[in-house]
PDB file of N, CA and C in Angstrom:
ATOM      1  N   MET A   1       0.826  -1.182   0.000  1.00  0.00           N
ATOM      2  CA  MET A   1       0.000   0.000   0.000  1.00  0.00           C
ATOM      3  C   MET A   1       0.873   1.249   0.000  1.00  0.00           C
ATOM      4  N   SER A   2       1.893   1.277   0.783  1.00  0.00           N
ATOM      5  CA  SER A   2       2.772   2.444   0.812  1.00  0.00           C
ATOM      6  C   SER A   2       3.444   2.658  -0.532  1.00  0.00           C
ATOM      7  N   GLU A   3       3.661   1.570  -1.251  1.00  0.00           N
ATOM      8  CA  GLU A   3       4.290   1.667  -2.563  1.00  0.00           C
ATOM      9  C   GLU A   3       3.349   2.352  -3.544  1.00  0.00           C
ATOM     10  N   GLU A   4       2.049   2.042  -3.438  1.00  0.00           N
ATOM     11  CA  GLU A   4       1.052   2.672  -4.299  1.00  0.00           C
ATOM     12  C   GLU A   4       0.985   4.175  -4.022  1.00  0.00           C
ATOM     13  N   LEU A   5       1.105   4.531  -2.766  1.00  0.00           N
ATOM     14  CA  LEU A   5       1.061   5.941  -2.411  1.00  0.00           C
ATOM     15  C   LEU A   5       2.262   6.696  -2.935  1.00  0.00           C
ATOM     16  N   GLU A   6       3.390   6.074  -2.948  1.00  0.00           N
ATOM     17  CA  GLU A   6       4.608   6.728  -3.445  1.00  0.00           C
ATOM     18  C   GLU A   6       4.531   6.966  -4.941  1.00  0.00           C
ATOM     19  N   HIS A   7       3.944   6.056  -5.680  1.00  0.00           N
ATOM     20  CA  HIS A   7       3.912   6.151  -7.135  1.00  0.00           C
ATOM     21  C   HIS A   7       2.602   6.742  -7.656  1.00  0.00           C
ATOM     22  N   PHE A   8       1.784   7.267  -6.777  1.00  0.00           N
ATOM     23  CA  PHE A   8       0.501   7.834  -7.191  1.00  0.00           C
ATOM     24  C   PHE A   8       0.731   9.112  -7.985  1.00  0.00           C
ATOM     25  N   ASN A   9       0.024   9.266  -9.084  1.00  0.00           N
ATOM     26  CA  ASN A   9       0.159  10.429  -9.951  1.00  0.00           C
ATOM     27  C   ASN A   9      -0.926  11.440  -9.559  1.00  0.00           C
ATOM     28  N   LYS A  10      -0.520  12.547  -8.995  1.00  0.00           N
ATOM     29  CA  LYS A  10      -1.466  13.577  -8.555  1.00  0.00           C
ATOM     30  C   LYS A  10      -2.137  14.273  -9.726  1.00  0.00           C
ATOM     31  N   GLU A  11      -1.503  14.286 -10.856  1.00  0.00           N
ATOM     32  CA  GLU A  11      -2.045  14.985 -12.026  1.00  0.00           C
ATOM     33  C   GLU A  11      -3.252  14.255 -12.612  1.00  0.00           C
ATOM     34  N   SER A  12      -3.465  13.021 -12.246  1.00  0.00           N
ATOM     35  CA  SER A  12      -4.618  12.277 -12.750  1.00  0.00           C
ATOM     36  C   SER A  12      -5.912  12.674 -12.035  1.00  0.00           C
ATOM     37  N   MET A  13      -5.767  13.435 -10.979  1.00  0.00           N
ATOM     38  CA  MET A  13      -6.946  13.876 -10.217  1.00  0.00           C
ATOM     39  C   MET A  13      -7.563  15.114 -10.854  1.00  0.00           C
ATOM     40  N   LYS A  14      -8.882  15.264 -10.693  1.00  0.00           N
ATOM     41  CA  LYS A  14      -9.580  16.440 -11.225  1.00  0.00           C
ATOM     42  C   LYS A  14      -9.325  17.620 -10.306  1.00  0.00           C
ATOM     43  N   PRO A  15      -9.179  18.832 -10.856  1.00  0.00           N
ATOM     44  CA  PRO A  15      -9.024  20.014  -9.988  1.00  0.00           C
ATOM     45  C   PRO A  15     -10.362  20.397  -9.353  1.00  0.00           C
ATOM     46  N   VAL A  16     -10.321  20.800  -8.114  1.00  0.00           N
ATOM     47  CA  VAL A  16     -11.525  21.161  -7.369  1.00  0.00           C
ATOM     48  C   VAL A  16     -11.273  22.466  -6.626  1.00  0.00           C
ATOM     49  N   ASP A  17     -12.237  23.378  -6.686  1.00  0.00           N
ATOM     50  CA  ASP A  17     -12.151  24.623  -5.915  1.00  0.00           C
ATOM     51  C   ASP A  17     -12.687  24.359  -4.519  1.00  0.00           C
ATOM     52  N   VAL A  18     -11.928  24.711  -3.532  1.00  0.00           N
ATOM     53  CA  VAL A  18     -12.325  24.492  -2.142  1.00  0.00           C
ATOM     54  C   VAL A  18     -12.991  25.761  -1.628  1.00  0.00           C
ATOM     55  N   THR A  19     -14.177  25.608  -1.091  1.00  0.00           N
ATOM     56  CA  THR A  19     -14.868  26.747  -0.492  1.00  0.00           C
ATOM     57  C   THR A  19     -15.193  26.397   0.950  1.00  0.00           C
ATOM     58  N   GLU A  20     -14.908  27.306   1.831  1.00  0.00           N
ATOM     59  CA  GLU A  20     -15.220  27.089   3.243  1.00  0.00           C
ATOM     60  C   GLU A  20     -16.678  27.436   3.473  1.00  0.00           C
ATOM     61  N   LYS A  21     -17.324  26.611   4.237  1.00  0.00           N
ATOM     62  CA  LYS A  21     -18.731  26.829   4.529  1.00  0.00           C
ATOM     63  C   LYS A  21     -18.919  27.073   6.012  1.00  0.00           C
ATOM     64  N   ASN A  22     -18.242  28.055   6.520  1.00  0.00           N
ATOM     65  CA  ASN A  22     -18.367  28.435   7.917  1.00  0.00           C
ATOM     66  C   ASN A  22     -19.383  29.569   7.985  1.00  0.00           C
ATOM     67  N   ILE A  23     -20.637  29.229   8.237  1.00  0.00           N
ATOM     68  CA  ILE A  23     -21.707  30.217   8.223  1.00  0.00           C
ATOM     69  C   ILE A  23     -21.846  30.803   9.629  1.00  0.00           C
ATOM     70  N   LEU A  24     -21.605  32.093   9.726  1.00  0.00           N
ATOM     71  CA  LEU A  24     -21.760  32.790  11.001  1.00  0.00           C
ATOM     72  C   LEU A  24     -23.156  33.395  11.075  1.00  0.00           C
ATOM     73  N   PRO A  25     -23.750  33.448  12.244  1.00  0.00           N
ATOM     74  CA  PRO A  25     -25.095  34.031  12.357  1.00  0.00           C
ATOM     75  C   PRO A  25     -25.068  35.536  12.097  1.00  0.00           C
ATOM     76  N   ASP A  26     -26.158  36.037  11.518  1.00  0.00           N
ATOM     77  CA  ASP A  26     -26.245  37.468  11.258  1.00  0.00           C
ATOM     78  C   ASP A  26     -26.661  38.206  12.533  1.00  0.00           C
ATOM     79  N   THR A  27     -26.689  39.524  12.478  1.00  0.00           N
ATOM     80  CA  THR A  27     -26.968  40.337  13.672  1.00  0.00           C
ATOM     81  C   THR A  27     -28.381  40.099  14.193  1.00  0.00           C
ATOM     82  N   GLU A  28     -29.326  39.866  13.302  1.00  0.00           N
ATOM     83  CA  GLU A  28     -30.706  39.628  13.732  1.00  0.00           C
ATOM     84  C   GLU A  28     -30.804  38.338  14.549  1.00  0.00           C
ATOM     85  N   THR A  29     -30.131  37.299  14.093  1.00  0.00           N
ATOM     86  CA  THR A  29     -30.134  36.028  14.816  1.00  0.00           C
ATOM     87  C   THR A  29     -29.467  36.186  16.177  1.00  0.00           C
ATOM     88  N   LEU A  30     -28.361  36.916  16.201  1.00  0.00           N
ATOM     89  CA  LEU A  30     -27.673  37.149  17.472  1.00  0.00           C
ATOM     90  C   LEU A  30     -28.547  37.931  18.444  1.00  0.00           C
ATOM     91  N   GLN A  31     -29.250  38.948  17.934  1.00  0.00           N
ATOM     92  CA  GLN A  31     -30.114  39.759  18.785  1.00  0.00           C
ATOM     93  C   GLN A  31     -31.281  38.927  19.327  1.00  0.00           C
ATOM     94  N   THR A  32     -31.856  38.080  18.486  1.00  0.00           N
ATOM     95  CA  THR A  32     -32.950  37.208  18.914  1.00  0.00           C
ATOM     96  C   THR A  32     -32.475  36.258  20.006  1.00  0.00           C
ATOM     97  N   GLU A  33     -31.286  35.700  19.801  1.00  0.00           N
ATOM     98  CA  GLU A  33     -30.727  34.775  20.796  1.00  0.00           C
ATOM     99  C   GLU A  33     -30.450  35.489  22.118  1.00  0.00           C
ATOM    100  N   LYS A  34     -29.943  36.709  22.011  1.00  0.00           N
ATOM    101  CA  LYS A  34     -29.629  37.480  23.220  1.00  0.00           C
ATOM    102  C   LYS A  34     -30.910  37.830  23.981  1.00  0.00           C
ATOM    103  N   THR A  35     -31.945  38.221  23.250  1.00  0.00           N
ATOM    104  CA  THR A  35     -33.230  38.540  23.870  1.00  0.00           C
ATOM    105  C   THR A  35     -33.803  37.319  24.585  1.00  0.00           C
ATOM    106  N   ARG A  36     -33.723  36.172  23.944  1.00  0.00           N
ATOM    107  CA  ARG A  36     -34.235  34.928  24.533  1.00  0.00           C
ATOM    108  C   ARG A  36     -33.458  34.575  25.800  1.00  0.00           C
ATOM    109  N   GLU A  37     -32.130  34.718  25.750  1.00  0.00           N
ATOM    110  CA  GLU A  37     -31.308  34.425  26.925  1.00  0.00           C
ATOM    111  C   GLU A  37     -31.655  35.363  28.079  1.00  0.00           C
ATOM    112  N   ASN A  38     -31.835  36.649  27.775  1.00  0.00           N
ATOM    113  CA  ASN A  38     -32.190  37.613  28.819  1.00  0.00           C
ATOM    114  C   ASN A  38     -33.561  37.293  29.419  1.00  0.00           C
ATOM    115  N   PHE A  39     -34.491  36.868  28.574  1.00  0.00           N
ATOM    116  CA  PHE A  39     -35.825  36.499  29.052  1.00  0.00           C
ATOM    117  C   PHE A  39     -35.742  35.308  29.998  1.00  0.00           C
ATOM    118  N   LEU A  40     -35.017  34.279  29.586  1.00  0.00           N
ATOM    119  CA  LEU A  40     -34.875  33.088  30.425  1.00  0.00           C
ATOM    120  C   LEU A  40     -34.156  33.412  31.725  1.00  0.00           C
ATOM    121  N   LYS A  41     -33.176  34.292  31.651  1.00  0.00           N
ATOM    122  CA  LYS A  41     -32.445  34.694  32.860  1.00  0.00           C
ATOM    123  C   LYS A  41     -33.394  35.411  33.819  1.00  0.00           C
ATOM    124  N   GLY A  42     -34.271  36.274  33.272  1.00  0.00           N
ATOM    125  CA  GLY A  42     -35.244  36.982  34.099  1.00  0.00           C
ATOM    126  C   GLY A  42     -36.222  36.029  34.760  1.00  0.00           C
ATOM    127  N   VAL A  43     -36.619  34.992  34.045  1.00  0.00           N
ATOM    128  CA  VAL A  43     -37.546  34.006  34.602  1.00  0.00           C
ATOM    129  C   VAL A  43     -36.858  33.211  35.711  1.00  0.00           C
ATOM    130  N   GLU A  44     -35.611  32.844  35.484  1.00  0.00           N
ATOM    131  CA  GLU A  44     -34.873  32.055  36.482  1.00  0.00           C
ATOM    132  C   GLU A  44     -34.632  32.854  37.756  1.00  0.00           C
ATOM    133  N   GLU A  45     -34.383  34.155  37.627  1.00  0.00           N
ATOM    134  CA  GLU A  45     -34.043  34.974  38.784  1.00  0.00           C
ATOM    135  C   GLU A  45     -35.259  35.648  39.421  1.00  0.00           C
ATOM    136  N   PHE A  46     -36.461  35.320  38.946  1.00  0.00           N
ATOM    137  CA  PHE A  46     -37.674  35.958  39.455  1.00  0.00           C
ATOM    138  C   PHE A  46     -37.893  35.603  40.923  1.00  0.00           C
ATOM    139  N   SER A  47     -38.216  36.601  41.714  1.00  0.00           N
ATOM    140  CA  SER A  47     -38.440  36.386  43.136  1.00  0.00           C
ATOM    141  C   SER A  47     -39.924  36.162  43.396  1.00  0.00           C
ATOM    142  N   GLN A  48     -40.245  35.068  44.040  1.00  0.00           N
ATOM    143  CA  GLN A  48     -41.642  34.767  44.346  1.00  0.00           C
ATOM    144  C   GLN A  48     -42.171  35.665  45.464  1.00  0.00           C
ATOM    145  N   LYS A  49     -41.286  36.346  46.159  1.00  0.00           N
ATOM    146  CA  LYS A  49     -41.709  37.244  47.236  1.00  0.00           C
ATOM    147  C   LYS A  49     -42.478  38.440  46.691  1.00  0.00           C
ATOM    148  N   ASP A  50     -42.270  38.764  45.412  1.00  0.00           N
ATOM    149  CA  ASP A  50     -42.951  39.909  44.796  1.00  0.00           C
ATOM    150  C   ASP A  50     -44.407  39.605  44.452  1.00  0.00           C
ATOM    151  N   LEU A  51     -44.793  38.332  44.502  1.00  0.00           N
ATOM    152  CA  LEU A  51     -46.157  37.946  44.157  1.00  0.00           C
ATOM    153  C   LEU A  51     -47.089  38.171  45.341  1.00  0.00           C
ATOM    154  N   SER A  52     -48.336  38.490  45.043  1.00  0.00           N
ATOM    155  CA  SER A  52     -49.328  38.633  46.113  1.00  0.00           C
ATOM    156  C   SER A  52     -50.130  37.337  46.208  1.00  0.00           C
ATOM    157  N   HIS A  53     -50.600  37.040  47.407  1.00  0.00           N
ATOM    158  CA  HIS A  53     -51.343  35.802  47.643  1.00  0.00           C
ATOM    159  C   HIS A  53     -52.748  35.924  47.055  1.00  0.00           C
ATOM    160  N   VAL A  54     -53.209  34.873  46.409  1.00  0.00           N
ATOM    161  CA  VAL A  54     -54.530  34.853  45.791  1.00  0.00           C
ATOM    162  C   VAL A  54     -55.303  33.660  46.334  1.00  0.00           C
ATOM    163  N   GLN A  55     -56.546  33.908  46.700  1.00  0.00           N
ATOM    164  CA  GLN A  55     -57.417  32.838  47.185  1.00  0.00           C
ATOM    165  C   GLN A  55     -58.173  32.274  45.989  1.00  0.00           C
ATOM    166  N   THR A  56     -58.004  31.011  45.713  1.00  0.00           N
ATOM    167  CA  THR A  56     -58.699  30.401  44.576  1.00  0.00           C
ATOM    168  C   THR A  56     -60.028  29.827  45.026  1.00  0.00           C
ATOM    169  N   ALA A  57     -60.980  29.818  44.107  1.00  0.00           N
ATOM    170  CA  ALA A  57     -62.304  29.270  44.407  1.00  0.00           C
ATOM    171  C   ALA A  57     -62.213  27.748  44.393  1.00  0.00           C
ATOM    172  N   GLU A  58     -62.680  27.143  45.444  1.00  0.00           N
ATOM    173  CA  GLU A  58     -62.661  25.684  45.540  1.00  0.00           C
ATOM    174  C   GLU A  58     -63.821  25.109  44.735  1.00  0.00           C
ATOM    175  N   PRO A  59     -63.654  23.938  44.148  1.00  0.00           N
ATOM    176  CA  PRO A  59     -64.769  23.334  43.402  1.00  0.00           C
ATOM    177  C   PRO A  59     -65.926  23.001  44.340  1.00  0.00           C
ATOM    178  N   LEU A  60     -67.128  23.064  43.792  1.00  0.00           N
ATOM    179  CA  LEU A  60     -68.327  22.815  44.591  1.00  0.00           C
ATOM    180  C   LEU A  60     -68.446  21.340  44.953  1.00  0.00           C
ATOM    181  N   SER A  61     -68.984  21.106  46.139  1.00  0.00           N
ATOM    182  CA  SER A  61     -69.259  19.724  46.537  1.00  0.00           C
ATOM    183  C   SER A  61     -70.535  19.266  45.836  1.00  0.00           C
ATOM    184  N   GLY A  62     -70.865  18.006  45.967  1.00  0.00           N
ATOM    185  CA  GLY A  62     -72.053  17.463  45.293  1.00  0.00           C
ATOM    186  C   GLY A  62     -73.328  18.162  45.706  1.00  0.00           C
ATOM    187  N   ALA A  63     -73.508  18.387  47.023  1.00  0.00           N
ATOM    188  CA  ALA A  63     -74.740  19.024  47.510  1.00  0.00           C
ATOM    189  C   ALA A  63     -74.829  20.464  47.034  1.00  0.00           C
ATOM    190  N   GLU A  64     -73.702  21.188  47.061  1.00  0.00           N
ATOM    191  CA  GLU A  64     -73.709  22.588  46.624  1.00  0.00           C
ATOM    192  C   GLU A  64     -73.981  22.680  45.130  1.00  0.00           C
ATOM    193  N   LEU A  65     -73.447  21.744  44.374  1.00  0.00           N
ATOM    194  CA  LEU A  65     -73.666  21.736  42.928  1.00  0.00           C
ATOM    195  C   LEU A  65     -75.139  21.485  42.604  1.00  0.00           C
ATOM    196  N   VAL A  66     -75.773  20.572  43.336  1.00  0.00           N
ATOM    197  CA  VAL A  66     -77.199  20.294  43.126  1.00  0.00           C
ATOM    198  C   VAL A  66     -78.029  21.521  43.467  1.00  0.00           C
ATOM    199  N   LYS A  67     -77.678  22.212  44.579  1.00  0.00           N
ATOM    200  CA  LYS A  67     -78.399  23.435  44.961  1.00  0.00           C
ATOM    201  C   LYS A  67     -78.293  24.488  43.866  1.00  0.00           C
ATOM    202  N   GLN A  68     -77.089  24.664  43.338  1.00  0.00           N
ATOM    203  CA  GLN A  68     -76.877  25.677  42.302  1.00  0.00           C
ATOM    204  C   GLN A  68     -77.675  25.330  41.042  1.00  0.00           C
ATOM    205  N   GLU A  69     -77.668  24.057  40.644  1.00  0.00           N
ATOM    206  CA  GLU A  69     -78.404  23.650  39.447  1.00  0.00           C
ATOM    207  C   GLU A  69     -79.915  23.816  39.638  1.00  0.00           C
ATOM    208  N   LEU A  70     -80.411  23.511  40.834  1.00  0.00           N
ATOM    209  CA  LEU A  70     -81.852  23.679  41.097  1.00  0.00           C
ATOM    210  C   LEU A  70     -82.245  25.150  41.072  1.00  0.00           C
ATOM    211  N   SER A  71     -81.411  26.016  41.620  1.00  0.00           N
ATOM    212  CA  SER A  71     -81.744  27.447  41.590  1.00  0.00           C
ATOM    213  C   SER A  71     -81.713  27.977  40.162  1.00  0.00           C
ATOM    214  N   MET A  72     -80.755  27.521  39.353  1.00  0.00           N
ATOM    215  CA  MET A  72     -80.712  27.947  37.951  1.00  0.00           C
ATOM    216  C   MET A  72     -81.941  27.438  37.198  1.00  0.00           C
ATOM    217  N   LYS A  73     -82.337  26.196  37.491  1.00  0.00           N
ATOM    218  CA  LYS A  73     -83.512  25.623  36.835  1.00  0.00           C
ATOM    219  C   LYS A  73     -84.768  26.398  37.216  1.00  0.00           C
ATOM    220  N   SER A  74     -84.880  26.806  38.478  1.00  0.00           N
ATOM    221  CA  SER A  74     -86.058  27.559  38.894  1.00  0.00           C
ATOM    222  C   SER A  74     -86.088  28.931  38.226  1.00  0.00           C
ATOM    223  N   ILE A  75     -84.946  29.546  38.038  1.00  0.00           N
ATOM    224  CA  ILE A  75     -84.889  30.845  37.349  1.00  0.00           C
ATOM    225  C   ILE A  75     -85.318  30.685  35.897  1.00  0.00           C
ATOM    226  N   VAL A  76     -84.801  29.675  35.225  1.00  0.00           N
ATOM    227  CA  VAL A  76     -85.162  29.435  33.826  1.00  0.00           C
ATOM    228  C   VAL A  76     -86.647  29.129  33.708  1.00  0.00           C
ATOM    229  N   ASP A  77     -87.177  28.330  34.621  1.00  0.00           N
ATOM    230  CA  ASP A  77     -88.611  28.005  34.600  1.00  0.00           C
ATOM    231  C   ASP A  77     -89.468  29.256  34.808  1.00  0.00           C
ATOM    232  N   SER A  78     -89.055  30.123  35.726  1.00  0.00           N
ATOM    233  CA  SER A  78     -89.848  31.330  35.975  1.00  0.00           C
ATOM    234  C   SER A  78     -89.812  32.277  34.775  1.00  0.00           C
ATOM    235  N   VAL A  79     -88.711  32.305  34.052  1.00  0.00           N
ATOM    236  CA  VAL A  79     -88.629  33.158  32.861  1.00  0.00           C
ATOM    237  C   VAL A  79     -89.490  32.587  31.739  1.00  0.00           C
ATOM    238  N   THR A  80     -89.431  31.285  31.552  1.00  0.00           N
ATOM    239  CA  THR A  80     -90.208  30.682  30.457  1.00  0.00           C
ATOM    240  C   THR A  80     -91.709  30.701  30.727  1.00  0.00           C
ATOM    241  N   THR A  81     -92.134  30.664  31.984  1.00  0.00           N
ATOM    242  CA  THR A  81     -93.569  30.659  32.299  1.00  0.00           C
ATOM    243  C   THR A  81     -94.105  32.055  32.606  1.00  0.00           C
ATOM    244  N   PHE A  82     -93.309  33.090  32.383  1.00  0.00           N
ATOM    245  CA  PHE A  82     -93.723  34.460  32.689  1.00  0.00           C
ATOM    246  C   PHE A  82     -94.880  34.871  31.786  1.00  0.00           C
ATOM    247  N   ASP A  83     -95.886  35.509  32.369  1.00  0.00           N
ATOM    248  CA  ASP A  83     -97.052  35.961  31.620  1.00  0.00           C
ATOM    249  C   ASP A  83     -96.821  37.405  31.184  1.00  0.00           C
ATOM    250  N   SER A  84     -96.530  37.587  29.901  1.00  0.00           N
ATOM    251  CA  SER A  84     -96.235  38.931  29.399  1.00  0.00           C
ATOM    252  C   SER A  84     -97.493  39.786  29.231  1.00  0.00           C
ATOM    253  N   THR A  85     -98.666  39.203  29.339  1.00  0.00           N
ATOM    254  CA  THR A  85     -99.906  39.987  29.212  1.00  0.00           C
ATOM    255  C   THR A  85    -100.136  40.864  30.428  1.00  0.00           C
ATOM    256  N   SER A  86     -99.471  40.570  31.522  1.00  0.00           N
ATOM    257  CA  SER A  86     -99.651  41.376  32.731  1.00  0.00           C
ATOM    258  C   SER A  86     -98.835  42.673  32.683  1.00  0.00           C
ATOM    259  N   LEU A  87     -98.031  42.846  31.656  1.00  0.00           N
ATOM    260  CA  LEU A  87     -97.222  44.060  31.547  1.00  0.00           C
ATOM    261  C   LEU A  87     -98.047  45.208  30.987  1.00  0.00           C
ATOM    262  N   LYS A  88     -97.714  46.425  31.410  1.00  0.00           N
ATOM    263  CA  LYS A  88     -98.380  47.609  30.879  1.00  0.00           C
ATOM    264  C   LYS A  88     -97.780  47.936  29.522  1.00  0.00           C
ATOM    265  N   SER A  89     -98.581  48.504  28.647  1.00  0.00           N
ATOM    266  CA  SER A  89     -98.072  48.880  27.332  1.00  0.00           C
ATOM    267  C   SER A  89     -97.288  50.190  27.457  1.00  0.00           C
ATOM    268  N   ALA A  90     -96.294  50.329  26.627  1.00  0.00           N
ATOM    269  CA  ALA A  90     -95.465  51.535  26.651  1.00  0.00           C
ATOM    270  C   ALA A  90     -95.213  51.980  25.215  1.00  0.00           C
ATOM    271  N   THR A  91     -95.133  53.273  25.030  1.00  0.00           N
ATOM    272  CA  THR A  91     -94.814  53.813  23.718  1.00  0.00           C
ATOM    273  C   THR A  91     -93.396  54.362  23.758  1.00  0.00           C
ATOM    274  N   THR A  92     -92.690  54.172  22.682  1.00  0.00           N
ATOM    275  CA  THR A  92     -91.300  54.606  22.603  1.00  0.00           C
ATOM    276  C   THR A  92     -91.223  55.862  21.759  1.00  0.00           C
ATOM    277  N   ASP A  93     -90.626  56.912  22.326  1.00  0.00           N
ATOM    278  CA  ASP A  93     -90.412  58.146  21.579  1.00  0.00           C
ATOM    279  C   ASP A  93     -88.988  58.130  21.051  1.00  0.00           C
ATOM    280  N   GLU A  94     -88.866  58.178  19.729  1.00  0.00           N
ATOM    281  CA  GLU A  94     -87.535  58.167  19.126  1.00  0.00           C
ATOM    282  C   GLU A  94     -86.995  59.590  19.138  1.00  0.00           C
ATOM    283  N   LYS A  95     -85.857  59.765  19.757  1.00  0.00           N
ATOM    284  CA  LYS A  95     -85.290  61.095  19.912  1.00  0.00           C
ATOM    285  C   LYS A  95     -84.062  61.299  19.039  1.00  0.00           C
ATOM    286  N   SER A  96     -83.897  60.474  18.039  1.00  0.00           N
ATOM    287  CA  SER A  96     -82.771  60.587  17.126  1.00  0.00           C
ATOM    288  C   SER A  96     -83.149  61.590  16.044  1.00  0.00           C
ATOM    289  N   HIS A  97     -82.466  62.710  16.021  1.00  0.00           N
ATOM    290  CA  HIS A  97     -82.774  63.770  15.068  1.00  0.00           C
ATOM    291  C   HIS A  97     -81.783  63.694  13.909  1.00  0.00           C
ATOM    292  N   LEU A  98     -82.317  63.474  12.694  1.00  0.00           N
ATOM    293  CA  LEU A  98     -81.470  63.459  11.507  1.00  0.00           C
ATOM    294  C   LEU A  98     -81.567  64.820  10.830  1.00  0.00           C
ATOM    295  N   PRO A  99     -80.453  65.332  10.325  1.00  0.00           N
ATOM    296  CA  PRO A  99     -80.480  66.659   9.688  1.00  0.00           C
ATOM    297  C   PRO A  99     -81.245  66.619   8.367  1.00  0.00           C
ATOM    298  N   ASP A 100     -81.943  67.713   8.081  1.00  0.00           N
ATOM    299  CA  ASP A 100     -82.649  67.793   6.815  1.00  0.00           C
ATOM    300  C   ASP A 100     -81.701  68.345   5.749  1.00  0.00           C
ATOM    301  N   ALA A 101     -82.177  68.475   4.536  1.00  0.00           N
ATOM    302  CA  ALA A 101     -81.343  68.890   3.407  1.00  0.00           C
ATOM    303  C   ALA A 101     -80.757  70.278   3.627  1.00  0.00           C
ATOM    304  N   GLU A 102     -81.504  71.175   4.228  1.00  0.00           N
ATOM    305  CA  GLU A 102     -81.019  72.538   4.465  1.00  0.00           C
ATOM    306  C   GLU A 102     -79.853  72.548   5.461  1.00  0.00           C
ATOM    307  N   ASP A 103     -79.964  71.746   6.512  1.00  0.00           N
ATOM    308  CA  ASP A 103     -78.874  71.667   7.501  1.00  0.00           C
ATOM    309  C   ASP A 103     -77.603  71.107   6.869  1.00  0.00           C
ATOM    310  N   ILE A 104     -77.739  70.115   6.011  1.00  0.00           N
ATOM    311  CA  ILE A 104     -76.573  69.522   5.350  1.00  0.00           C
ATOM    312  C   ILE A 104     -75.913  70.531   4.434  1.00  0.00           C
ATOM    313  N   LYS A 105     -76.721  71.293   3.692  1.00  0.00           N
ATOM    314  CA  LYS A 105     -76.171  72.298   2.768  1.00  0.00           C
ATOM    315  C   LYS A 105     -75.435  73.378   3.543  1.00  0.00           C
ATOM    316  N   SER A 106     -76.006  73.832   4.644  1.00  0.00           N
ATOM    317  CA  SER A 106     -75.350  74.888   5.422  1.00  0.00           C
ATOM    318  C   SER A 106     -74.038  74.364   6.031  1.00  0.00           C
ATOM    319  N   GLU A 107     -73.988  73.106   6.433  1.00  0.00           N
ATOM    320  CA  GLU A 107     -72.756  72.521   6.979  1.00  0.00           C
ATOM    321  C   GLU A 107     -71.680  72.431   5.905  1.00  0.00           C
ATOM    322  N   LYS A 108     -72.070  72.036   4.681  1.00  0.00           N
ATOM    323  CA  LYS A 108     -71.115  71.961   3.574  1.00  0.00           C
ATOM    324  C   LYS A 108     -70.556  73.340   3.260  1.00  0.00           C
ATOM    325  N   ASP A 109     -71.445  74.358   3.225  1.00  0.00           N
ATOM    326  CA  ASP A 109     -70.993  75.730   2.963  1.00  0.00           C
ATOM    327  C   ASP A 109     -70.036  76.198   4.053  1.00  0.00           C
ATOM    328  N   HIS A 110     -70.318  75.842   5.266  1.00  0.00           N
ATOM    329  CA  HIS A 110     -69.470  76.221   6.397  1.00  0.00           C
ATOM    330  C   HIS A 110     -68.073  75.587   6.257  1.00  0.00           C
ATOM    331  N   LEU A 111     -68.021  74.326   5.873  1.00  0.00           N
ATOM    332  CA  LEU A 111     -66.737  73.639   5.684  1.00  0.00           C
ATOM    333  C   LEU A 111     -65.960  74.208   4.506  1.00  0.00           C
ATOM    334  N   LYS A 112     -66.664  74.586   3.432  1.00  0.00           N
ATOM    335  CA  LYS A 112     -66.002  75.171   2.275  1.00  0.00           C
ATOM    336  C   LYS A 112     -65.366  76.512   2.624  1.00  0.00           C
ATOM    337  N   SER A 113     -66.007  77.261   3.513  1.00  0.00           N
ATOM    338  CA  SER A 113     -65.436  78.541   3.914  1.00  0.00           C
ATOM    339  C   SER A 113     -64.131  78.345   4.671  1.00  0.00           C
ATOM    340  N   PHE A 114     -63.981  77.261   5.394  1.00  0.00           N
ATOM    341  CA  PHE A 114     -62.722  76.981   6.104  1.00  0.00           C
ATOM    342  C   PHE A 114     -61.634  76.527   5.123  1.00  0.00           C
ATOM    343  N   GLU A 115     -62.022  75.816   4.074  1.00  0.00           N
ATOM    344  CA  GLU A 115     -61.064  75.335   3.089  1.00  0.00           C
ATOM    345  C   GLU A 115     -60.454  76.490   2.305  1.00  0.00           C
ATOM    346  N   ARG A 116     -61.209  77.526   2.065  1.00  0.00           N
ATOM    347  CA  ARG A 116     -60.700  78.677   1.294  1.00  0.00           C
ATOM    348  C   ARG A 116     -59.701  79.490   2.100  1.00  0.00           C
ATOM    349  N   SER A 117     -59.800  79.437   3.404  1.00  0.00           N
ATOM    350  CA  SER A 117     -58.940  80.263   4.258  1.00  0.00           C
ATOM    351  C   SER A 117     -57.521  79.780   4.267  1.00  0.00           C
TER     352      SER A 117
END
């Protein structure tokens, strides 16, 4: 084998251009990585002493849940069986005033006078 290496003809090989493929991250990637590291560092160093105590609502027991469902059912039943004929009639006065053609024309003239100034 060593003999083959000594007598090997290098000129029989094809020429090849060597290009280095050392890809460095761009500034945007570096900034994103730095932001992420700072965020994680902030989470790791967070002090729980700064938090305020919160009382969470405990789940209802079986009896309390039944009471709540019965009260909701009674409310729904009372709404569905309500007699609307016992209500007094009422008339609605619409107080929305729309401008008439004269008001619109005077407003346009007023705006045009400001545009000329």
